[in-house]
């Protein structure tokens, strides 16, 4: 599935809710559904700088695709990284780098996140794209 198709699915899922409390609950549920990260990957090297919460991101490159796993000590943040992983994991580095991550604006996250969470979300996206850049020549 392409990053665009996945983003459209997310936009559709969120459009089912008018109330932002329901949308936050969906983000929390997504965080709860994220598989636990192996404690071996909860290292300082895997911590994302720029997040108020602790967010660990682990990347593996296999068969030309980047696979991401993540965890956070904050449930909404865990849901946010889960959304990014849903869109960008199992994609080629080129597809990740070329992806315009527009679902964030389209579902209204930009307007409903605190400035610190917005900065954290951008830091998560930046770290994913940094991994993609690092593996783009392989």
Protein backbone atom coordinates (compact mmCIF):
# COMPACT_ATOMS: atom_id res chain seq x y z
CA UNK A 1 0.00 0.00 0.00
CA UNK A 2 1.35 3.45 -0.85
CA UNK A 3 1.86 6.20 1.71
CA UNK A 4 -0.90 8.16 -0.03
CA UNK A 5 -3.39 5.29 0.26
CA UNK A 6 -2.58 4.82 3.95
CA UNK A 7 -2.99 8.55 4.61
CA UNK A 8 -6.38 8.51 2.86
CA UNK A 9 -7.45 5.59 5.07
CA UNK A 10 -6.45 7.53 8.19
CA UNK A 11 -8.30 10.65 6.99
CA UNK A 12 -11.43 8.54 6.38
CA UNK A 13 -11.20 6.90 9.81
CA UNK A 14 -10.88 10.25 11.57
CA UNK A 15 -13.67 11.83 9.51
CA UNK A 16 -16.12 9.45 11.22
CA UNK A 17 -15.77 11.62 14.35
CA UNK A 18 -16.91 15.23 14.75
CA UNK A 19 -15.88 15.62 18.38
CA UNK A 20 -12.19 16.06 19.11
CA UNK A 21 -12.49 14.06 22.32
CA UNK A 22 -13.44 11.07 20.15
CA UNK A 23 -10.46 11.74 17.89
CA UNK A 24 -8.15 11.91 20.91
CA UNK A 25 -9.62 8.61 22.10
CA UNK A 26 -8.81 7.10 18.71
CA UNK A 27 -5.21 8.32 19.01
CA UNK A 28 -5.02 6.83 22.52
CA UNK A 29 -6.44 3.53 21.22
CA UNK A 30 -3.83 3.50 18.43
CA UNK A 31 -1.13 4.02 21.04
CA UNK A 32 -2.48 1.14 23.10
CA UNK A 33 -2.46 -1.09 20.00
CA UNK A 34 1.19 -0.36 19.21
CA UNK A 35 3.21 -3.49 19.96
CA UNK A 36 5.63 -3.07 22.87
CA UNK A 37 9.14 -2.14 21.88
CA UNK A 38 11.81 -4.63 22.83
CA UNK A 39 13.57 -3.19 25.93
CA UNK A 40 16.88 -3.70 24.11
CA UNK A 41 15.84 -0.85 21.77
CA UNK A 42 14.89 1.56 24.57
CA UNK A 43 18.31 3.16 24.52
CA UNK A 44 19.55 6.74 24.55
CA UNK A 45 20.53 6.33 20.88
CA UNK A 46 16.92 5.57 19.95
CA UNK A 47 15.40 8.47 21.92
CA UNK A 48 14.02 11.21 19.71
CA UNK A 49 15.37 14.68 20.51
CA UNK A 50 12.82 17.45 20.64
CA UNK A 51 10.02 15.50 22.30
CA UNK A 52 8.83 16.48 25.75
CA UNK A 53 7.87 12.85 26.34
CA UNK A 54 10.31 10.01 25.97
CA UNK A 55 9.91 8.48 22.50
CA UNK A 56 12.06 5.64 21.26
CA UNK A 57 12.26 4.87 17.54
CA UNK A 58 13.99 1.78 16.18
CA UNK A 59 14.57 1.31 12.45
CA UNK A 60 15.56 -1.78 10.50
CA UNK A 61 16.35 -1.90 6.80
CA UNK A 62 15.46 -5.18 5.12
CA UNK A 63 14.75 -6.13 1.51
CA UNK A 64 14.84 -2.49 0.44
CA UNK A 65 12.21 -1.38 2.97
CA UNK A 66 12.48 0.48 6.25
CA UNK A 67 10.59 -1.01 9.19
CA UNK A 68 9.95 1.14 12.25
CA UNK A 69 9.04 0.23 15.80
CA UNK A 70 8.45 2.76 18.54
CA UNK A 71 7.27 3.36 22.07
CA UNK A 72 6.62 6.32 24.33
CA UNK A 73 5.99 6.93 28.00
CA UNK A 74 3.03 9.20 27.06
CA UNK A 75 -0.07 7.56 25.61
CA UNK A 76 -1.09 10.32 23.16
CA UNK A 77 2.49 10.61 21.96
CA UNK A 78 2.56 6.84 21.52
CA UNK A 79 -0.56 7.15 19.35
CA UNK A 80 1.04 9.91 17.28
CA UNK A 81 4.19 7.92 16.57
CA UNK A 82 1.92 4.96 15.81
CA UNK A 83 0.18 7.01 13.12
CA UNK A 84 3.50 8.03 11.56
CA UNK A 85 4.72 4.44 11.62
CA UNK A 86 1.49 3.27 10.02
CA UNK A 87 2.12 5.61 7.08
CA UNK A 88 5.89 5.35 6.73
CA UNK A 89 6.93 1.87 7.89
CA UNK A 90 7.42 -0.86 5.29
CA UNK A 91 8.22 1.74 2.62
CA UNK A 92 11.36 2.37 0.59
CA UNK A 93 13.64 5.16 1.78
CA UNK A 94 12.80 7.09 -1.41
CA UNK A 95 9.05 6.79 -0.79
CA UNK A 96 9.52 8.01 2.78
CA UNK A 97 11.61 10.97 1.67
CA UNK A 98 9.14 11.84 -1.10
CA UNK A 99 6.09 11.50 1.13
CA UNK A 100 4.12 14.65 1.83
CA UNK A 101 2.70 13.81 5.25
CA UNK A 102 -0.53 15.77 4.82
CA UNK A 103 -2.90 13.66 6.94
CA UNK A 104 -1.75 15.55 10.05
CA UNK A 105 -3.30 18.78 8.76
CA UNK A 106 -6.27 17.11 7.12
CA UNK A 107 -7.49 15.36 10.26
CA UNK A 108 -7.05 18.57 12.24
CA UNK A 109 -4.12 17.50 14.41
CA UNK A 110 -2.20 20.69 13.70
CA UNK A 111 -4.92 22.84 15.29
CA UNK A 112 -5.60 20.53 18.24
CA UNK A 113 -2.13 19.69 19.53
CA UNK A 114 -0.32 21.77 22.10
CA UNK A 115 2.82 23.52 20.80
CA UNK A 116 5.05 21.03 22.64
CA UNK A 117 3.21 18.04 21.12
CA UNK A 118 3.35 19.66 17.66
CA UNK A 119 7.10 20.14 18.04
CA UNK A 120 7.43 16.55 19.19
CA UNK A 121 5.45 15.29 16.21
CA UNK A 122 7.73 17.23 13.86
CA UNK A 123 10.77 15.77 15.65
CA UNK A 124 9.38 12.25 15.18
CA UNK A 125 8.80 12.86 11.48
CA UNK A 126 12.26 14.40 11.11
CA UNK A 127 13.87 11.35 12.75
CA UNK A 128 11.99 8.95 10.44
CA UNK A 129 13.08 10.97 7.40
CA UNK A 130 16.66 11.03 8.74
CA UNK A 131 16.67 7.22 8.82
CA UNK A 132 15.27 7.18 5.28
CA UNK A 133 18.03 9.52 4.13
CA UNK A 134 20.68 7.37 5.80
CA UNK A 135 19.41 4.24 4.02
CA UNK A 136 18.57 5.89 0.69
CA UNK A 137 21.90 4.98 -0.86
CA UNK A 138 21.67 1.30 0.09
